[in-house]
PDB file of all heavy atoms in Angstrom:
ATOM      1  N   ASP A   1     -17.237   9.458 192.547  1.00  0.00           N
ATOM      2  CA  ASP A   1     -18.434  10.087 191.980  1.00  0.00           C
ATOM      3  C   ASP A   1     -19.678   9.709 192.757  1.00  0.00           C
ATOM      4  O   ASP A   1     -20.529  10.550 193.071  1.00  0.00           O
ATOM      5  CB  ASP A   1     -18.598   9.658 190.515  1.00  0.00           C
ATOM      6  CG  ASP A   1     -17.614  10.341 189.581  1.00  0.00           C
ATOM      7  OD1 ASP A   1     -16.977  11.323 190.016  1.00  0.00           O
ATOM      8  OD2 ASP A   1     -17.487   9.892 188.429  1.00  0.00           O
ATOM      9  N   MET A   2     -19.797   8.417 193.064  1.00  0.00           N
ATOM     10  CA  MET A   2     -21.001   7.944 193.746  1.00  0.00           C
ATOM     11  C   MET A   2     -21.131   8.568 195.130  1.00  0.00           C
ATOM     12  O   MET A   2     -22.220   9.004 195.536  1.00  0.00           O
ATOM     13  CB  MET A   2     -20.975   6.421 193.859  1.00  0.00           C
ATOM     14  CG  MET A   2     -22.237   5.835 194.482  1.00  0.00           C
ATOM     15  SD  MET A   2     -22.217   4.035 194.559  1.00  0.00           S
ATOM     16  CE  MET A   2     -22.229   3.636 192.817  1.00  0.00           C
ATOM     17  N   ALA A   3     -20.018   8.613 195.870  1.00  0.00           N
ATOM     18  CA  ALA A   3     -20.067   9.196 197.214  1.00  0.00           C
ATOM     19  C   ALA A   3     -20.383  10.686 197.153  1.00  0.00           C
ATOM     20  O   ALA A   3     -21.137  11.209 197.979  1.00  0.00           O
ATOM     21  CB  ALA A   3     -18.732   8.970 197.923  1.00  0.00           C
ATOM     22  N   LEU A   4     -19.818  11.388 196.169  1.00  0.00           N
ATOM     23  CA  LEU A   4     -20.100  12.813 196.019  1.00  0.00           C
ATOM     24  C   LEU A   4     -21.582  13.044 195.752  1.00  0.00           C
ATOM     25  O   LEU A   4     -22.197  13.939 196.340  1.00  0.00           O
ATOM     26  CB  LEU A   4     -19.266  13.393 194.875  1.00  0.00           C
ATOM     27  CG  LEU A   4     -19.456  14.886 194.590  1.00  0.00           C
ATOM     28  CD1 LEU A   4     -19.061  15.728 195.803  1.00  0.00           C
ATOM     29  CD2 LEU A   4     -18.656  15.317 193.370  1.00  0.00           C
ATOM     30  N   CYS A   5     -22.166  12.220 194.897  1.00  0.00           N
ATOM     31  CA  CYS A   5     -23.600  12.350 194.598  1.00  0.00           C
ATOM     32  C   CYS A   5     -24.447  12.045 195.826  1.00  0.00           C
ATOM     33  O   CYS A   5     -25.474  12.700 196.062  1.00  0.00           O
ATOM     34  CB  CYS A   5     -23.979  11.427 193.449  1.00  0.00           C
ATOM     35  SG  CYS A   5     -23.287  11.917 191.865  1.00  0.00           S
ATOM     36  N   MET A   6     -24.026  11.060 196.606  1.00  0.00           N
ATOM     37  CA  MET A   6     -24.758  10.723 197.834  1.00  0.00           C
ATOM     38  C   MET A   6     -24.751  11.905 198.807  1.00  0.00           C
ATOM     39  O   MET A   6     -25.783  12.276 199.367  1.00  0.00           O
ATOM     40  CB  MET A   6     -24.114   9.506 198.488  1.00  0.00           C
ATOM     41  CG  MET A   6     -24.402   8.192 197.791  1.00  0.00           C
ATOM     42  SD  MET A   6     -26.029   7.544 198.209  1.00  0.00           S
ATOM     43  CE  MET A   6     -25.767   7.040 199.902  1.00  0.00           C
ATOM     44  N   VAL A   7     -23.573  12.494 199.003  1.00  0.00           N
ATOM     45  CA  VAL A   7     -23.445  13.603 199.954  1.00  0.00           C
ATOM     46  C   VAL A   7     -24.263  14.803 199.492  1.00  0.00           C
ATOM     47  O   VAL A   7     -25.055  15.370 200.257  1.00  0.00           O
ATOM     48  CB  VAL A   7     -21.959  13.994 200.125  1.00  0.00           C
ATOM     49  CG1 VAL A   7     -21.837  15.305 200.894  1.00  0.00           C
ATOM     50  CG2 VAL A   7     -21.194  12.897 200.842  1.00  0.00           C
ATOM     51  N   MET A   8     -24.096  15.182 198.229  1.00  0.00           N
ATOM     52  CA  MET A   8     -24.777  16.374 197.724  1.00  0.00           C
ATOM     53  C   MET A   8     -26.284  16.165 197.583  1.00  0.00           C
ATOM     54  O   MET A   8     -27.065  17.105 197.701  1.00  0.00           O
ATOM     55  CB  MET A   8     -24.180  16.784 196.383  1.00  0.00           C
ATOM     56  CG  MET A   8     -22.686  17.103 196.437  1.00  0.00           C
ATOM     57  SD  MET A   8     -22.293  18.486 197.526  1.00  0.00           S
ATOM     58  CE  MET A   8     -22.891  19.854 196.544  1.00  0.00           C
ATOM     59  N   GLY A   9     -26.699  14.950 197.334  1.00  0.00           N
ATOM     60  CA  GLY A   9     -28.123  14.670 197.147  1.00  0.00           C
ATOM     61  C   GLY A   9     -28.871  14.429 198.435  1.00  0.00           C
ATOM     62  O   GLY A   9     -30.001  14.887 198.613  1.00  0.00           O
ATOM     63  N   ASN A  10     -28.248  13.696 199.368  1.00  0.00           N
ATOM     64  CA  ASN A  10     -28.942  13.313 200.602  1.00  0.00           C
ATOM     65  C   ASN A  10     -28.977  14.415 201.650  1.00  0.00           C
ATOM     66  O   ASN A  10     -29.896  14.459 202.471  1.00  0.00           O
ATOM     67  CB  ASN A  10     -28.283  12.072 201.214  1.00  0.00           C
ATOM     68  CG  ASN A  10     -28.713  10.798 200.522  1.00  0.00           C
ATOM     69  OD1 ASN A  10     -29.075  10.821 199.353  1.00  0.00           O
ATOM     70  ND2 ASN A  10     -28.665   9.684 201.235  1.00  0.00           N
ATOM     71  N   LEU A  11     -27.969  15.267 201.661  1.00  0.00           N
ATOM     72  CA  LEU A  11     -27.914  16.327 202.673  1.00  0.00           C
ATOM     73  C   LEU A  11     -28.770  17.500 202.210  1.00  0.00           C
ATOM     74  O   LEU A  11     -28.303  18.458 201.614  1.00  0.00           O
ATOM     75  CB  LEU A  11     -26.466  16.757 202.911  1.00  0.00           C
ATOM     76  CG  LEU A  11     -25.521  15.641 203.377  1.00  0.00           C
ATOM     77  CD1 LEU A  11     -24.116  16.176 203.592  1.00  0.00           C
ATOM     78  CD2 LEU A  11     -26.039  14.990 204.653  1.00  0.00           C
ATOM     79  N   THR A  12     -30.043  17.421 202.531  1.00  0.00           N
ATOM     80  CA  THR A  12     -31.023  18.347 201.959  1.00  0.00           C
ATOM     81  C   THR A  12     -30.961  19.760 202.541  1.00  0.00           C
ATOM     82  O   THR A  12     -31.620  20.660 202.033  1.00  0.00           O
ATOM     83  CB  THR A  12     -32.444  17.791 202.157  1.00  0.00           C
ATOM     84  OG1 THR A  12     -32.659  17.533 203.553  1.00  0.00           O
ATOM     85  CG2 THR A  12     -32.621  16.498 201.369  1.00  0.00           C
ATOM     86  N   ARG A  13     -30.179  19.954 203.603  1.00  0.00           N
ATOM     87  CA  ARG A  13     -30.034  21.301 204.160  1.00  0.00           C
ATOM     88  C   ARG A  13     -28.713  21.946 203.752  1.00  0.00           C
ATOM     89  O   ARG A  13     -28.413  23.071 204.162  1.00  0.00           O
ATOM     90  CB  ARG A  13     -30.126  21.255 205.683  1.00  0.00           C
ATOM     91  CG  ARG A  13     -31.470  20.779 206.180  1.00  0.00           C
ATOM     92  CD  ARG A  13     -31.517  20.744 207.687  1.00  0.00           C
ATOM     93  NE  ARG A  13     -32.689  20.009 208.145  1.00  0.00           N
ATOM     94  CZ  ARG A  13     -32.913  19.659 209.407  1.00  0.00           C
ATOM     95  NH1 ARG A  13     -32.038  19.993 210.328  1.00  0.00           N
ATOM     96  NH2 ARG A  13     -33.992  18.987 209.738  1.00  0.00           N
ATOM     97  N   LEU A  14     -27.937  21.246 202.954  1.00  0.00           N
ATOM     98  CA  LEU A  14     -26.627  21.749 202.557  1.00  0.00           C
ATOM     99  C   LEU A  14     -26.766  23.008 201.703  1.00  0.00           C
ATOM    100  O   LEU A  14     -27.490  23.030 200.722  1.00  0.00           O
ATOM    101  CB  LEU A  14     -25.875  20.675 201.770  1.00  0.00           C
ATOM    102  CG  LEU A  14     -24.375  20.899 201.572  1.00  0.00           C
ATOM    103  CD1 LEU A  14     -23.643  20.879 202.917  1.00  0.00           C
ATOM    104  CD2 LEU A  14     -23.798  19.831 200.650  1.00  0.00           C
ATOM    105  N   GLN A  15     -26.021  24.065 202.099  1.00  0.00           N
ATOM    106  CA  GLN A  15     -26.094  25.336 201.391  1.00  0.00           C
ATOM    107  C   GLN A  15     -24.748  25.800 200.849  1.00  0.00           C
ATOM    108  O   GLN A  15     -24.690  26.629 199.954  1.00  0.00           O
ATOM    109  CB  GLN A  15     -26.657  26.414 202.331  1.00  0.00           C
ATOM    110  CG  GLN A  15     -28.050  26.108 202.831  1.00  0.00           C
ATOM    111  CD  GLN A  15     -28.548  27.150 203.810  1.00  0.00           C
ATOM    112  OE1 GLN A  15     -28.082  28.288 203.818  1.00  0.00           O
ATOM    113  NE2 GLN A  15     -29.494  26.784 204.655  1.00  0.00           N
ATOM    114  N   ASP A  16     -23.652  25.266 201.398  1.00  0.00           N
ATOM    115  CA  ASP A  16     -22.311  25.743 201.029  1.00  0.00           C
ATOM    116  C   ASP A  16     -21.377  24.543 200.967  1.00  0.00           C
ATOM    117  O   ASP A  16     -21.216  23.824 201.962  1.00  0.00           O
ATOM    118  CB  ASP A  16     -21.832  26.749 202.085  1.00  0.00           C
ATOM    119  CG  ASP A  16     -20.518  27.422 201.697  1.00  0.00           C
ATOM    120  OD1 ASP A  16     -19.838  26.919 200.785  1.00  0.00           O
ATOM    121  OD2 ASP A  16     -20.157  28.432 202.325  1.00  0.00           O
ATOM    122  N   ALA A  17     -20.765  24.319 199.805  1.00  0.00           N
ATOM    123  CA  ALA A  17     -19.870  23.172 199.646  1.00  0.00           C
ATOM    124  C   ALA A  17     -18.592  23.589 198.931  1.00  0.00           C
ATOM    125  O   ALA A  17     -18.638  24.292 197.921  1.00  0.00           O
ATOM    126  CB  ALA A  17     -20.569  22.060 198.870  1.00  0.00           C
ATOM    127  N   LYS A  18     -17.457  23.145 199.461  1.00  0.00           N
ATOM    128  CA  LYS A  18     -16.154  23.383 198.827  1.00  0.00           C
ATOM    129  C   LYS A  18     -15.671  22.046 198.267  1.00  0.00           C
ATOM    130  O   LYS A  18     -15.463  21.092 199.025  1.00  0.00           O
ATOM    131  CB  LYS A  18     -15.165  23.961 199.839  1.00  0.00           C
ATOM    132  CG  LYS A  18     -15.577  25.338 200.358  1.00  0.00           C
ATOM    133  CD  LYS A  18     -14.582  25.854 201.374  1.00  0.00           C
ATOM    134  CE  LYS A  18     -14.944  27.269 201.839  1.00  0.00           C
ATOM    135  NZ  LYS A  18     -16.226  27.326 202.546  1.00  0.00           N
ATOM    136  N   LEU A  19     -15.480  21.997 196.944  1.00  0.00           N
ATOM    137  CA  LEU A  19     -15.256  20.728 196.254  1.00  0.00           C
ATOM    138  C   LEU A  19     -14.075  20.827 195.284  1.00  0.00           C
ATOM    139  O   LEU A  19     -14.205  20.489 194.112  1.00  0.00           O
ATOM    140  CB  LEU A  19     -16.524  20.322 195.482  1.00  0.00           C
ATOM    141  CG  LEU A  19     -17.839  20.298 196.273  1.00  0.00           C
ATOM    142  CD1 LEU A  19     -19.018  20.086 195.342  1.00  0.00           C
ATOM    143  CD2 LEU A  19     -17.795  19.215 197.343  1.00  0.00           C
ATOM    144  N   VAL A  20     -12.931  21.262 195.748  1.00  0.00           N
ATOM    145  CA  VAL A  20     -11.782  21.404 194.846  1.00  0.00           C
ATOM    146  C   VAL A  20     -10.805  20.249 195.048  1.00  0.00           C
ATOM    147  O   VAL A  20     -10.697  19.680 196.131  1.00  0.00           O
ATOM    148  CB  VAL A  20     -11.067  22.757 195.039  1.00  0.00           C
ATOM    149  CG1 VAL A  20     -12.024  23.902 194.795  1.00  0.00           C
ATOM    150  CG2 VAL A  20     -10.452  22.874 196.424  1.00  0.00           C
ATOM    151  N   HIS A  21     -10.112  19.908 193.965  1.00  0.00           N
ATOM    152  CA  HIS A  21      -9.089  18.863 193.967  1.00  0.00           C
ATOM    153  C   HIS A  21      -9.633  17.515 194.444  1.00  0.00           C
ATOM    154  O   HIS A  21      -8.999  16.821 195.250  1.00  0.00           O
ATOM    155  CB  HIS A  21      -7.885  19.286 194.822  1.00  0.00           C
ATOM    156  CG  HIS A  21      -7.149  20.465 194.267  1.00  0.00           C
ATOM    157  ND1 HIS A  21      -6.350  20.394 193.141  1.00  0.00           N
ATOM    158  CD2 HIS A  21      -7.111  21.755 194.661  1.00  0.00           C
ATOM    159  CE1 HIS A  21      -5.848  21.592 192.882  1.00  0.00           C
ATOM    160  NE2 HIS A  21      -6.300  22.436 193.787  1.00  0.00           N
ATOM    161  N   LEU A  22     -10.791  17.141 193.933  1.00  0.00           N
ATOM    162  CA  LEU A  22     -11.341  15.799 194.181  1.00  0.00           C
ATOM    163  C   LEU A  22     -10.877  14.916 193.028  1.00  0.00           C
ATOM    164  O   LEU A  22     -11.576  14.742 192.029  1.00  0.00           O
ATOM    165  CB  LEU A  22     -12.871  15.854 194.276  1.00  0.00           C
ATOM    166  CG  LEU A  22     -13.443  16.795 195.347  1.00  0.00           C
ATOM    167  CD1 LEU A  22     -14.965  16.687 195.394  1.00  0.00           C
ATOM    168  CD2 LEU A  22     -12.841  16.501 196.720  1.00  0.00           C
ATOM    169  N   THR A  23      -9.695  14.346 193.176  1.00  0.00           N
ATOM    170  CA  THR A  23      -9.037  13.669 192.049  1.00  0.00           C
ATOM    171  C   THR A  23      -9.745  12.388 191.629  1.00  0.00           C
ATOM    172  O   THR A  23      -9.532  11.911 190.507  1.00  0.00           O
ATOM    173  CB  THR A  23      -7.574  13.359 192.412  1.00  0.00           C
ATOM    174  OG1 THR A  23      -7.543  12.606 193.641  1.00  0.00           O
ATOM    175  CG2 THR A  23      -6.788  14.646 192.597  1.00  0.00           C
ATOM    176  N   ASN A  24     -10.564  11.810 192.499  1.00  0.00           N
ATOM    177  CA  ASN A  24     -11.270  10.575 192.146  1.00  0.00           C
ATOM    178  C   ASN A  24     -12.628  10.843 191.498  1.00  0.00           C
ATOM    179  O   ASN A  24     -13.343   9.898 191.163  1.00  0.00           O
ATOM    180  CB  ASN A  24     -11.461   9.694 193.379  1.00  0.00           C
ATOM    181  CG  ASN A  24     -10.155   9.145 193.904  1.00  0.00           C
ATOM    182  OD1 ASN A  24      -9.145   9.192 193.207  1.00  0.00           O
ATOM    183  ND2 ASN A  24     -10.152   8.629 195.124  1.00  0.00           N
ATOM    184  N   CYS A  25     -12.989  12.118 191.366  1.00  0.00           N
ATOM    185  CA  CYS A  25     -14.291  12.467 190.789  1.00  0.00           C
ATOM    186  C   CYS A  25     -14.115  12.942 189.344  1.00  0.00           C
ATOM    187  O   CYS A  25     -13.164  13.662 189.024  1.00  0.00           O
ATOM    188  CB  CYS A  25     -14.968  13.557 191.615  1.00  0.00           C
ATOM    189  SG  CYS A  25     -15.424  13.031 193.282  1.00  0.00           S
ATOM    190  N   THR A  26     -15.053  12.557 188.509  1.00  0.00           N
ATOM    191  CA  THR A  26     -15.012  12.915 187.092  1.00  0.00           C
ATOM    192  C   THR A  26     -15.954  14.073 186.807  1.00  0.00           C
ATOM    193  O   THR A  26     -16.734  14.493 187.677  1.00  0.00           O
ATOM    194  CB  THR A  26     -15.420  11.716 186.233  1.00  0.00           C
ATOM    195  OG1 THR A  26     -16.812  11.417 186.489  1.00  0.00           O
ATOM    196  CG2 THR A  26     -14.575  10.487 186.551  1.00  0.00           C
ATOM    197  N   ARG A  27     -15.884  14.566 185.578  1.00  0.00           N
ATOM    198  CA  ARG A  27     -16.806  15.629 185.171  1.00  0.00           C
ATOM    199  C   ARG A  27     -18.245  15.169 185.320  1.00  0.00           C
ATOM    200  O   ARG A  27     -19.109  15.914 185.789  1.00  0.00           O
ATOM    201  CB  ARG A  27     -16.529  16.031 183.722  1.00  0.00           C
ATOM    202  CG  ARG A  27     -17.472  17.119 183.200  1.00  0.00           C
ATOM    203  CD  ARG A  27     -17.371  17.286 181.709  1.00  0.00           C
ATOM    204  NE  ARG A  27     -17.840  16.107 180.995  1.00  0.00           N
ATOM    205  CZ  ARG A  27     -19.135  15.838 180.769  1.00  0.00           C
ATOM    206  NH1 ARG A  27     -20.067  16.658 181.212  1.00  0.00           N
ATOM    207  NH2 ARG A  27     -19.489  14.760 180.107  1.00  0.00           N
ATOM    208  N   GLU A  28     -18.521  13.929 184.922  1.00  0.00           N
ATOM    209  CA  GLU A  28     -19.882  13.391 185.024  1.00  0.00           C
ATOM    210  C   GLU A  28     -20.351  13.344 186.480  1.00  0.00           C
ATOM    211  O   GLU A  28     -21.522  13.599 186.780  1.00  0.00           O
ATOM    212  CB  GLU A  28     -19.942  11.992 184.408  1.00  0.00           C
ATOM    213  CG  GLU A  28     -19.789  11.953 182.892  1.00  0.00           C
ATOM    214  CD  GLU A  28     -18.341  12.080 182.449  1.00  0.00           C
ATOM    215  OE1 GLU A  28     -17.435  11.996 183.311  1.00  0.00           O
ATOM    216  OE2 GLU A  28     -18.104  12.269 181.230  1.00  0.00           O
ATOM    217  N   GLY A  29     -19.407  13.013 187.380  1.00  0.00           N
ATOM    218  CA  GLY A  29     -19.758  12.972 188.791  1.00  0.00           C
ATOM    219  C   GLY A  29     -20.138  14.338 189.325  1.00  0.00           C
ATOM    220  O   GLY A  29     -21.135  14.484 190.048  1.00  0.00           O
ATOM    221  N   PHE A  30     -19.352  15.355 188.969  1.00  0.00           N
ATOM    222  CA  PHE A  30     -19.689  16.715 189.386  1.00  0.00           C
ATOM    223  C   PHE A  30     -21.026  17.148 188.807  1.00  0.00           C
ATOM    224  O   PHE A  30     -21.852  17.760 189.488  1.00  0.00           O
ATOM    225  CB  PHE A  30     -18.592  17.685 188.941  1.00  0.00           C
ATOM    226  CG  PHE A  30     -17.397  17.728 189.846  1.00  0.00           C
ATOM    227  CD1 PHE A  30     -16.209  17.107 189.497  1.00  0.00           C
ATOM    228  CD2 PHE A  30     -17.469  18.388 191.059  1.00  0.00           C
ATOM    229  CE1 PHE A  30     -15.110  17.148 190.333  1.00  0.00           C
ATOM    230  CE2 PHE A  30     -16.377  18.440 191.911  1.00  0.00           C
ATOM    231  CZ  PHE A  30     -15.188  17.808 191.546  1.00  0.00           C
ATOM    232  N   GLU A  31     -21.233  16.840 187.541  1.00  0.00           N
ATOM    233  CA  GLU A  31     -22.475  17.234 186.864  1.00  0.00           C
ATOM    234  C   GLU A  31     -23.687  16.658 187.584  1.00  0.00           C
ATOM    235  O   GLU A  31     -24.662  17.364 187.883  1.00  0.00           O
ATOM    236  CB  GLU A  31     -22.430  16.735 185.412  1.00  0.00           C
ATOM    237  CG  GLU A  31     -23.624  17.148 184.577  1.00  0.00           C
ATOM    238  CD  GLU A  31     -23.407  18.438 183.818  1.00  0.00           C
ATOM    239  OE1 GLU A  31     -22.247  18.867 183.669  1.00  0.00           O
ATOM    240  OE2 GLU A  31     -24.418  19.031 183.386  1.00  0.00           O
ATOM    241  N   LEU A  32     -23.637  15.360 187.876  1.00  0.00           N
ATOM    242  CA  LEU A  32     -24.771  14.701 188.520  1.00  0.00           C
ATOM    243  C   LEU A  32     -24.952  15.196 189.953  1.00  0.00           C
ATOM    244  O   LEU A  32     -26.084  15.426 190.403  1.00  0.00           O
ATOM    245  CB  LEU A  32     -24.558  13.184 188.506  1.00  0.00           C
ATOM    246  CG  LEU A  32     -25.707  12.335 189.056  1.00  0.00           C
ATOM    247  CD1 LEU A  32     -27.004  12.627 188.303  1.00  0.00           C
ATOM    248  CD2 LEU A  32     -25.366  10.847 188.964  1.00  0.00           C
ATOM    249  N   ALA A  33     -23.850  15.383 190.675  1.00  0.00           N
ATOM    250  CA  ALA A  33     -23.933  15.849 192.062  1.00  0.00           C
ATOM    251  C   ALA A  33     -24.553  17.242 192.148  1.00  0.00           C
ATOM    252  O   ALA A  33     -25.402  17.512 193.002  1.00  0.00           O
ATOM    253  CB  ALA A  33     -22.542  15.846 192.692  1.00  0.00           C
TER     254      ALA A  33
END
């Protein structure tokens, strides 16, 4: 969850992300990211 939030939050030019089958991430992690 923490790494996902770091990637989605810090990469300020990110426009397209594919995030399926991230088994170590929780609903809360996706929500925050």
